[in-house]
Protein backbone atom coordinates (compact mmCIF):
# COMPACT_ATOMS: atom_id res chain seq x y z
CA MET A 1 39.57 -47.69 -43.27
CA HIS A 2 43.24 -47.26 -43.86
CA ASP A 3 45.56 -50.33 -44.70
CA PRO A 4 48.93 -48.96 -43.35
CA GLU A 5 50.64 -52.02 -44.90
CA TYR A 6 49.65 -51.09 -48.50
CA GLY A 7 48.80 -47.30 -48.12
CA HIS A 8 45.26 -47.86 -49.76
CA GLU A 9 41.87 -46.74 -48.29
CA HIS A 10 39.23 -49.29 -47.88
CA ALA A 11 35.87 -48.27 -47.29
CA HIS A 12 33.61 -51.42 -46.29
CA HIS A 13 29.61 -50.68 -47.34
CA THR A 14 26.89 -53.29 -47.34
CA GLU A 15 24.88 -51.41 -49.75
CA HIS A 16 24.92 -49.82 -52.99
CA SER A 17 22.82 -48.26 -55.83
CA ARG A 18 23.42 -49.94 -59.14
CA GLU A 19 25.04 -46.92 -60.49
CA GLU A 20 27.53 -47.14 -57.47
CA ALA A 21 28.12 -50.98 -57.82
CA LEU A 22 28.83 -50.01 -61.37
CA ALA A 23 31.39 -47.58 -60.56
CA LEU A 24 33.02 -49.46 -57.85
CA LEU A 25 33.31 -52.18 -59.71
CA LYS A 26 34.68 -50.87 -62.60
CA TYR A 27 37.12 -49.08 -60.17
CA MET A 28 38.22 -52.13 -58.84
CA ALA A 29 38.88 -54.06 -62.00
CA ASP A 30 40.91 -50.69 -63.57
CA HIS A 31 42.65 -50.73 -60.44
CA THR A 32 43.56 -54.38 -60.14
CA ARG A 33 44.53 -54.63 -63.55
CA HIS A 34 47.10 -52.07 -63.21
CA HIS A 35 48.66 -53.67 -60.47
CA ALA A 36 48.86 -56.69 -62.41
CA ASP A 37 50.70 -54.93 -64.74
CA GLU A 38 53.22 -53.20 -62.14
CA LEU A 39 53.96 -56.94 -60.98
CA HIS A 40 54.45 -58.38 -64.17
CA ASP A 41 57.24 -55.66 -64.75
CA LEU A 42 58.47 -56.38 -61.31
CA GLY A 43 58.65 -59.95 -62.26
CA HIS A 44 60.96 -59.14 -65.21
CA SER A 45 63.41 -57.10 -62.74
CA VAL A 46 63.98 -59.95 -60.31
CA GLY A 47 64.32 -62.90 -62.68
CA GLY A 48 64.78 -66.36 -61.79
CA ASP A 49 62.29 -68.48 -59.75
CA ALA A 50 60.77 -65.39 -58.12
CA GLU A 51 59.89 -63.87 -61.67
CA GLU A 52 58.04 -67.13 -62.44
CA LYS A 53 56.07 -67.15 -59.11
CA ILE A 54 55.17 -63.57 -59.70
CA HIS A 55 54.00 -64.51 -63.49
CA GLU A 56 52.13 -66.87 -62.28
CA ALA A 57 50.16 -64.77 -59.67
CA CYS A 58 49.69 -62.35 -62.46
CA GLY A 59 48.01 -65.09 -64.29
CA PHE A 60 45.43 -65.43 -61.19
CA PHE A 61 45.08 -61.73 -60.94
CA ARG A 62 43.68 -61.63 -64.74
CA GLN A 63 41.48 -64.11 -64.43
CA GLY A 64 40.04 -62.76 -61.32
CA ILE A 65 40.14 -59.13 -63.30
CA GLU A 66 38.14 -61.28 -66.54
CA LYS A 67 35.46 -62.43 -63.66
CA LEU A 68 35.07 -58.72 -62.42
CA ASP A 69 34.61 -57.79 -66.44
CA GLU A 70 32.03 -60.72 -66.57
CA ALA A 71 30.12 -59.44 -63.85
CA LEU A 72 30.20 -55.74 -64.75
CA ARG A 73 28.72 -56.86 -68.44
CA LEU A 74 26.09 -58.60 -66.24
CA LEU A 75 25.13 -55.71 -64.29
CA LYS A 76 25.14 -53.25 -67.49
CA GLY A 77 22.56 -56.01 -68.90
CA GLU A 78 25.11 -56.92 -71.94
């Protein structure tokens, strides 16, 4: 499914093989990490109270990424 507001393709599946799940989870963690970095840079460019809120949001992104990384390690049996 294409999300015109964000320009991303979103496919929703209910079943994945273990290999597919690992690949998708790694991709999503890396993709989200990239967006968090972009948002962090954006915060510096806008400054003020907006910068503070954007950087606060980046902290939540990073917490979520840490959880995705933990899930990835669990799926890998680490």
